[in-house]
Amino acid sequence: MKVKILKLSCKLFDGDVDSLTLPSEQGQITILPRHISILTKLTKGKIVIRHDNESKEFNIIAGICSFSNNTASVILY
């Protein structure tokens, strides 16, 4: 699945991943390929992306995530 992680000033990540884990208001969620569409507000914590047995983490304060058509867009503020 495709993931874009953006801040107002720059692009932090843009690529294909196997999973995306996010700190949402409802608790930690993990999005896998072909997940149902979702729109959620993000809270302080870590975003973890995994691809080919490697992971990358981003510490965040707040943001939103939209997932639809196998593409996640994360906007941090």
PDB file of N, CA and C in Angstrom:
ATOM      1  N   MET A   1       0.844  -1.172   0.000  1.00  0.00           N
ATOM      2  CA  MET A   1       0.000   0.000   0.000  1.00  0.00           C
ATOM      3  C   MET A   1       0.887   1.232   0.000  1.00  0.00           C
ATOM      4  N   LYS A   2       0.347   2.320  -0.446  1.00  0.00           N
ATOM      5  CA  LYS A   2       1.088   3.572  -0.575  1.00  0.00           C
ATOM      6  C   LYS A   2       0.843   4.440   0.665  1.00  0.00           C
ATOM      7  N   VAL A   3       1.901   5.056   1.188  1.00  0.00           N
ATOM      8  CA  VAL A   3       1.784   5.934   2.361  1.00  0.00           C
ATOM      9  C   VAL A   3       2.535   7.233   2.091  1.00  0.00           C
ATOM     10  N   LYS A   4       1.859   8.341   2.428  1.00  0.00           N
ATOM     11  CA  LYS A   4       2.490   9.660   2.406  1.00  0.00           C
ATOM     12  C   LYS A   4       2.355  10.246   3.799  1.00  0.00           C
ATOM     13  N   ILE A   5       3.476  10.714   4.364  1.00  0.00           N
ATOM     14  CA  ILE A   5       3.462  11.392   5.654  1.00  0.00           C
ATOM     15  C   ILE A   5       3.992  12.803   5.406  1.00  0.00           C
ATOM     16  N   LEU A   6       3.128  13.792   5.672  1.00  0.00           N
ATOM     17  CA  LEU A   6       3.451  15.181   5.350  1.00  0.00           C
ATOM     18  C   LEU A   6       3.342  16.088   6.568  1.00  0.00           C
ATOM     19  N   LYS A   7       4.249  17.063   6.619  1.00  0.00           N
ATOM     20  CA  LYS A   7       4.120  18.194   7.535  1.00  0.00           C
ATOM     21  C   LYS A   7       3.835  19.401   6.665  1.00  0.00           C
ATOM     22  N   LEU A   8       3.412  20.474   7.253  1.00  0.00           N
ATOM     23  CA  LEU A   8       3.127  21.672   6.456  1.00  0.00           C
ATOM     24  C   LEU A   8       4.361  22.143   5.689  1.00  0.00           C
ATOM     25  N   SER A   9       5.550  21.929   6.258  1.00  0.00           N
ATOM     26  CA  SER A   9       6.768  22.439   5.649  1.00  0.00           C
ATOM     27  C   SER A   9       7.517  21.431   4.776  1.00  0.00           C
ATOM     28  N   CYS A  10       7.198  20.132   4.876  1.00  0.00           N
ATOM     29  CA  CYS A  10       7.973  19.152   4.116  1.00  0.00           C
ATOM     30  C   CYS A  10       7.282  17.791   4.036  1.00  0.00           C
ATOM     31  N   LYS A  11       7.809  16.940   3.188  1.00  0.00           N
ATOM     32  CA  LYS A  11       7.358  15.561   3.058  1.00  0.00           C
ATOM     33  C   LYS A  11       8.321  14.686   3.864  1.00  0.00           C
ATOM     34  N   LEU A  12       7.803  13.937   4.848  1.00  0.00           N
ATOM     35  CA  LEU A  12       8.642  13.072   5.664  1.00  0.00           C
ATOM     36  C   LEU A  12       8.821  11.687   5.062  1.00  0.00           C
ATOM     37  N   PHE A  13       7.776  11.192   4.373  1.00  0.00           N
ATOM     38  CA  PHE A  13       7.855   9.853   3.788  1.00  0.00           C
ATOM     39  C   PHE A  13       6.868   9.746   2.641  1.00  0.00           C
ATOM     40  N   ASP A  14       7.266   9.029   1.607  1.00  0.00           N
ATOM     41  CA  ASP A  14       6.388   8.752   0.469  1.00  0.00           C
ATOM     42  C   ASP A  14       6.856   7.447  -0.149  1.00  0.00           C
ATOM     43  N   GLY A  15       6.091   6.378   0.062  1.00  0.00           N
ATOM     44  CA  GLY A  15       6.517   5.103  -0.488  1.00  0.00           C
ATOM     45  C   GLY A  15       5.553   3.979  -0.182  1.00  0.00           C
ATOM     46  N   ASP A  16       5.941   2.781  -0.587  1.00  0.00           N
ATOM     47  CA  ASP A  16       5.143   1.583  -0.352  1.00  0.00           C
ATOM     48  C   ASP A  16       5.531   0.955   0.980  1.00  0.00           C
ATOM     49  N   VAL A  17       4.530   0.454   1.701  1.00  0.00           N
ATOM     50  CA  VAL A  17       4.763  -0.178   3.001  1.00  0.00           C
ATOM     51  C   VAL A  17       3.908  -1.438   3.128  1.00  0.00           C
ATOM     52  N   ASP A  18       4.275  -2.275   4.100  1.00  0.00           N
ATOM     53  CA  ASP A  18       3.494  -3.475   4.414  1.00  0.00           C
ATOM     54  C   ASP A  18       2.461  -3.194   5.499  1.00  0.00           C
ATOM     55  N   SER A  19       2.788  -2.259   6.427  1.00  0.00           N
ATOM     56  CA  SER A  19       1.837  -1.888   7.476  1.00  0.00           C
ATOM     57  C   SER A  19       2.150  -0.489   7.992  1.00  0.00           C
ATOM     58  N   LEU A  20       1.131   0.121   8.569  1.00  0.00           N
ATOM     59  CA  LEU A  20       1.229   1.470   9.133  1.00  0.00           C
ATOM     60  C   LEU A  20       0.546   1.456  10.484  1.00  0.00           C
ATOM     61  N   THR A  21       1.299   1.760  11.543  1.00  0.00           N
ATOM     62  CA  THR A  21       0.746   1.801  12.897  1.00  0.00           C
ATOM     63  C   THR A  21       0.709   3.246  13.368  1.00  0.00           C
ATOM     64  N   LEU A  22      -0.452   3.650  13.918  1.00  0.00           N
ATOM     65  CA  LEU A  22      -0.704   5.050  14.252  1.00  0.00           C
ATOM     66  C   LEU A  22      -1.269   5.190  15.656  1.00  0.00           C
ATOM     67  N   PRO A  23      -0.934   6.303  16.359  1.00  0.00           N
ATOM     68  CA  PRO A  23      -1.552   6.588  17.654  1.00  0.00           C
ATOM     69  C   PRO A  23      -2.825   7.419  17.449  1.00  0.00           C
ATOM     70  N   SER A  24      -3.980   6.794  17.460  1.00  0.00           N
ATOM     71  CA  SER A  24      -5.230   7.521  17.238  1.00  0.00           C
ATOM     72  C   SER A  24      -5.914   7.833  18.558  1.00  0.00           C
ATOM     73  N   GLU A  25      -6.952   8.659  18.502  1.00  0.00           N
ATOM     74  CA  GLU A  25      -7.716   8.986  19.716  1.00  0.00           C
ATOM     75  C   GLU A  25      -8.392   7.749  20.299  1.00  0.00           C
ATOM     76  N   GLN A  26      -8.676   6.743  19.472  1.00  0.00           N
ATOM     77  CA  GLN A  26      -9.327   5.520  19.933  1.00  0.00           C
ATOM     78  C   GLN A  26      -8.313   4.481  20.402  1.00  0.00           C
ATOM     79  N   GLY A  27      -7.024   4.796  20.344  1.00  0.00           N
ATOM     80  CA  GLY A  27      -5.961   3.870  20.698  1.00  0.00           C
ATOM     81  C   GLY A  27      -5.091   3.592  19.487  1.00  0.00           C
ATOM     82  N   GLN A  28      -4.089   2.777  19.672  1.00  0.00           N
ATOM     83  CA  GLN A  28      -3.170   2.451  18.591  1.00  0.00           C
ATOM     84  C   GLN A  28      -3.888   1.599  17.546  1.00  0.00           C
ATOM     85  N   ILE A  29      -3.725   1.966  16.270  1.00  0.00           N
ATOM     86  CA  ILE A  29      -4.333   1.188  15.191  1.00  0.00           C
ATOM     87  C   ILE A  29      -3.254   0.817  14.173  1.00  0.00           C
ATOM     88  N   THR A  30      -3.437  -0.306  13.536  1.00  0.00           N
ATOM     89  CA  THR A  30      -2.536  -0.741  12.468  1.00  0.00           C
ATOM     90  C   THR A  30      -3.362  -0.919  11.203  1.00  0.00           C
ATOM     91  N   ILE A  31      -2.885  -0.310  10.135  1.00  0.00           N
ATOM     92  CA  ILE A  31      -3.546  -0.405   8.832  1.00  0.00           C
ATOM     93  C   ILE A  31      -2.702  -1.316   7.956  1.00  0.00           C
ATOM     94  N   LEU A  32      -3.354  -2.299   7.366  1.00  0.00           N
ATOM     95  CA  LEU A  32      -2.719  -3.239   6.448  1.00  0.00           C
ATOM     96  C   LEU A  32      -3.284  -3.021   5.046  1.00  0.00           C
ATOM     97  N   PRO A  33      -2.617  -3.539   4.014  1.00  0.00           N
ATOM     98  CA  PRO A  33      -3.157  -3.386   2.657  1.00  0.00           C
ATOM     99  C   PRO A  33      -4.608  -3.846   2.563  1.00  0.00           C
ATOM    100  N   ARG A  34      -5.386  -3.116   1.777  1.00  0.00           N
ATOM    101  CA  ARG A  34      -6.806  -3.377   1.517  1.00  0.00           C
ATOM    102  C   ARG A  34      -7.686  -3.197   2.754  1.00  0.00           C
ATOM    103  N   HIS A  35      -7.223  -2.418   3.716  1.00  0.00           N
ATOM    104  CA  HIS A  35      -8.010  -2.076   4.908  1.00  0.00           C
ATOM    105  C   HIS A  35      -9.243  -1.281   4.469  1.00  0.00           C
ATOM    106  N   ILE A  36     -10.291  -1.314   5.270  1.00  0.00           N
ATOM    107  CA  ILE A  36     -11.459  -0.490   4.962  1.00  0.00           C
ATOM    108  C   ILE A  36     -11.073   0.987   5.041  1.00  0.00           C
ATOM    109  N   SER A  37     -11.814   1.829   4.379  1.00  0.00           N
ATOM    110  CA  SER A  37     -11.554   3.271   4.425  1.00  0.00           C
ATOM    111  C   SER A  37     -11.716   3.776   5.846  1.00  0.00           C
ATOM    112  N   ILE A  38     -10.843   4.729   6.220  1.00  0.00           N
ATOM    113  CA  ILE A  38     -10.851   5.259   7.583  1.00  0.00           C
ATOM    114  C   ILE A  38     -10.355   6.698   7.560  1.00  0.00           C
ATOM    115  N   LEU A  39     -10.888   7.497   8.463  1.00  0.00           N
ATOM    116  CA  LEU A  39     -10.421   8.858   8.709  1.00  0.00           C
ATOM    117  C   LEU A  39     -10.329   8.994  10.210  1.00  0.00           C
ATOM    118  N   THR A  40      -9.137   9.307  10.735  1.00  0.00           N
ATOM    119  CA  THR A  40      -8.965   9.366  12.181  1.00  0.00           C
ATOM    120  C   THR A  40      -8.030  10.495  12.585  1.00  0.00           C
ATOM    121  N   LYS A  41      -8.285  11.032  13.758  1.00  0.00           N
ATOM    122  CA  LYS A  41      -7.428  12.060  14.340  1.00  0.00           C
ATOM    123  C   LYS A  41      -6.308  11.357  15.097  1.00  0.00           C
ATOM    124  N   LEU A  42      -5.087  11.879  14.940  1.00  0.00           N
ATOM    125  CA  LEU A  42      -3.922  11.281  15.592  1.00  0.00           C
ATOM    126  C   LEU A  42      -3.523  12.076  16.828  1.00  0.00           C
ATOM    127  N   THR A  43      -2.979  11.364  17.805  1.00  0.00           N
ATOM    128  CA  THR A  43      -2.536  11.983  19.048  1.00  0.00           C
ATOM    129  C   THR A  43      -1.032  11.772  19.219  1.00  0.00           C
ATOM    130  N   LYS A  44      -0.497  12.306  20.305  1.00  0.00           N
ATOM    131  CA  LYS A  44       0.931  12.190  20.591  1.00  0.00           C
ATOM    132  C   LYS A  44       1.337  10.720  20.673  1.00  0.00           C
ATOM    133  N   GLY A  45       2.433  10.394  20.001  1.00  0.00           N
ATOM    134  CA  GLY A  45       2.935   9.030  20.004  1.00  0.00           C
ATOM    135  C   GLY A  45       3.867   8.792  18.838  1.00  0.00           C
ATOM    136  N   LYS A  46       3.928   7.535  18.393  1.00  0.00           N
ATOM    137  CA  LYS A  46       4.821   7.160  17.299  1.00  0.00           C
ATOM    138  C   LYS A  46       4.040   6.568  16.133  1.00  0.00           C
ATOM    139  N   ILE A  47       4.421   6.976  14.940  1.00  0.00           N
ATOM    140  CA  ILE A  47       3.971   6.319  13.726  1.00  0.00           C
ATOM    141  C   ILE A  47       5.060   5.315  13.367  1.00  0.00           C
ATOM    142  N   VAL A  48       4.667   4.092  13.083  1.00  0.00           N
ATOM    143  CA  VAL A  48       5.625   3.061  12.678  1.00  0.00           C
ATOM    144  C   VAL A  48       5.208   2.526  11.313  1.00  0.00           C
ATOM    145  N   ILE A  49       6.140   2.590  10.366  1.00  0.00           N
ATOM    146  CA  ILE A  49       5.893   1.992   9.062  1.00  0.00           C
ATOM    147  C   ILE A  49       6.827   0.793   8.918  1.00  0.00           C
ATOM    148  N   ARG A  50       6.284  -0.284   8.341  1.00  0.00           N
ATOM    149  CA  ARG A  50       7.078  -1.501   8.144  1.00  0.00           C
ATOM    150  C   ARG A  50       7.039  -1.893   6.669  1.00  0.00           C
ATOM    151  N   HIS A  51       8.234  -2.283   6.177  1.00  0.00           N
ATOM    152  CA  HIS A  51       8.341  -2.740   4.793  1.00  0.00           C
ATOM    153  C   HIS A  51       9.555  -3.646   4.673  1.00  0.00           C
ATOM    154  N   ASP A  52       9.355  -4.832   4.114  1.00  0.00           N
ATOM    155  CA  ASP A  52      10.447  -5.800   3.910  1.00  0.00           C
ATOM    156  C   ASP A  52      11.255  -6.057   5.188  1.00  0.00           C
ATOM    157  N   ASN A  53      10.576  -6.329   6.298  1.00  0.00           N
ATOM    158  CA  ASN A  53      11.194  -6.649   7.595  1.00  0.00           C
ATOM    159  C   ASN A  53      12.032  -5.517   8.175  1.00  0.00           C
ATOM    160  N   GLU A  54      11.826  -4.300   7.715  1.00  0.00           N
ATOM    161  CA  GLU A  54      12.475  -3.123   8.288  1.00  0.00           C
ATOM    162  C   GLU A  54      11.384  -2.184   8.761  1.00  0.00           C
ATOM    163  N   SER A  55      11.711  -1.363   9.769  1.00  0.00           N
ATOM    164  CA  SER A  55      10.725  -0.400  10.262  1.00  0.00           C
ATOM    165  C   SER A  55      11.351   0.976  10.402  1.00  0.00           C
ATOM    166  N   LYS A  56      10.480   1.979  10.333  1.00  0.00           N
ATOM    167  CA  LYS A  56      10.888   3.368  10.488  1.00  0.00           C
ATOM    168  C   LYS A  56       9.865   4.028  11.396  1.00  0.00           C
ATOM    169  N   GLU A  57      10.340   4.857  12.333  1.00  0.00           N
ATOM    170  CA  GLU A  57       9.444   5.490  13.304  1.00  0.00           C
ATOM    171  C   GLU A  57       9.509   7.008  13.189  1.00  0.00           C
ATOM    172  N   PHE A  58       8.355   7.631  13.453  1.00  0.00           N
ATOM    173  CA  PHE A  58       8.242   9.087  13.490  1.00  0.00           C
ATOM    174  C   PHE A  58       7.521   9.462  14.777  1.00  0.00           C
ATOM    175  N   ASN A  59       8.111  10.294  15.609  1.00  0.00           N
ATOM    176  CA  ASN A  59       7.429  10.821  16.798  1.00  0.00           C
ATOM    177  C   ASN A  59       6.531  11.967  16.352  1.00  0.00           C
ATOM    178  N   ILE A  60       5.291  11.949  16.828  1.00  0.00           N
ATOM    179  CA  ILE A  60       4.351  12.995  16.421  1.00  0.00           C
ATOM    180  C   ILE A  60       3.653  13.591  17.636  1.00  0.00           C
ATOM    181  N   ILE A  61       3.096  14.781  17.451  1.00  0.00           N
ATOM    182  CA  ILE A  61       2.296  15.453  18.474  1.00  0.00           C
ATOM    183  C   ILE A  61       0.812  15.312  18.148  1.00  0.00           C
ATOM    184  N   ALA A  62       0.449  15.593  16.885  1.00  0.00           N
ATOM    185  CA  ALA A  62      -0.955  15.512  16.470  1.00  0.00           C
ATOM    186  C   ALA A  62      -1.030  15.509  14.952  1.00  0.00           C
ATOM    187  N   GLY A  63      -2.176  15.058  14.436  1.00  0.00           N
ATOM    188  CA  GLY A  63      -2.373  15.050  12.996  1.00  0.00           C
ATOM    189  C   GLY A  63      -3.657  14.332  12.631  1.00  0.00           C
ATOM    190  N   ILE A  64      -3.794  14.046  11.347  1.00  0.00           N
ATOM    191  CA  ILE A  64      -4.931  13.271  10.860  1.00  0.00           C
ATOM    192  C   ILE A  64      -4.422  12.239   9.862  1.00  0.00           C
ATOM    193  N   CYS A  65      -5.190  11.155   9.709  1.00  0.00           N
ATOM    194  CA  CYS A  65      -4.868  10.122   8.728  1.00  0.00           C
ATOM    195  C   CYS A  65      -6.123   9.756   7.960  1.00  0.00           C
ATOM    196  N   SER A  66      -5.971   9.684   6.665  1.00  0.00           N
ATOM    197  CA  SER A  66      -7.042   9.238   5.788  1.00  0.00           C
ATOM    198  C   SER A  66      -6.526   8.020   5.026  1.00  0.00           C
ATOM    199  N   PHE A  67      -7.329   6.946   5.001  1.00  0.00           N
ATOM    200  CA  PHE A  67      -6.958   5.757   4.233  1.00  0.00           C
ATOM    201  C   PHE A  67      -8.119   5.379   3.337  1.00  0.00           C
ATOM    202  N   SER A  68      -7.831   5.271   2.042  1.00  0.00           N
ATOM    203  CA  SER A  68      -8.842   4.905   1.054  1.00  0.00           C
ATOM    204  C   SER A  68      -8.136   4.413  -0.197  1.00  0.00           C
ATOM    205  N   ASN A  69      -8.723   3.435  -0.872  1.00  0.00           N
ATOM    206  CA  ASN A  69      -8.159   2.912  -2.122  1.00  0.00           C
ATOM    207  C   ASN A  69      -6.698   2.494  -1.987  1.00  0.00           C
ATOM    208  N   ASN A  70      -6.385   1.857  -0.861  1.00  0.00           N
ATOM    209  CA  ASN A  70      -5.049   1.322  -0.575  1.00  0.00           C
ATOM    210  C   ASN A  70      -3.969   2.403  -0.488  1.00  0.00           C
ATOM    211  N   THR A  71      -4.385   3.633  -0.147  1.00  0.00           N
ATOM    212  CA  THR A  71      -3.441   4.755   0.009  1.00  0.00           C
ATOM    213  C   THR A  71      -3.734   5.476   1.317  1.00  0.00           C
ATOM    214  N   ALA A  72      -2.680   5.673   2.133  1.00  0.00           N
ATOM    215  CA  ALA A  72      -2.800   6.427   3.385  1.00  0.00           C
ATOM    216  C   ALA A  72      -2.136   7.785   3.226  1.00  0.00           C
ATOM    217  N   SER A  73      -2.843   8.816   3.655  1.00  0.00           N
ATOM    218  CA  SER A  73      -2.286  10.161   3.699  1.00  0.00           C
ATOM    219  C   SER A  73      -2.305  10.630   5.142  1.00  0.00           C
ATOM    220  N   VAL A  74      -1.129  10.942   5.668  1.00  0.00           N
ATOM    221  CA  VAL A  74      -0.993  11.402   7.053  1.00  0.00           C
ATOM    222  C   VAL A  74      -0.519  12.844   7.003  1.00  0.00           C
ATOM    223  N   ILE A  75      -1.255  13.726   7.662  1.00  0.00           N
ATOM    224  CA  ILE A  75      -0.864  15.132   7.732  1.00  0.00           C
ATOM    225  C   ILE A  75      -0.624  15.462   9.197  1.00  0.00           C
ATOM    226  N   LEU A  76       0.578  15.919   9.501  1.00  0.00           N
ATOM    227  CA  LEU A  76       0.964  16.236  10.878  1.00  0.00           C
ATOM    228  C   LEU A  76       0.947  17.740  11.092  1.00  0.00           C
ATOM    229  N   TYR A  77       0.530  18.136  12.306  1.00  0.00           N
ATOM    230  CA  TYR A  77       0.567  19.553  12.662  1.00  0.00           C
ATOM    231  C   TYR A  77       0.956  19.729  14.099  1.00  0.00           C
TER     232      TYR A  77
END
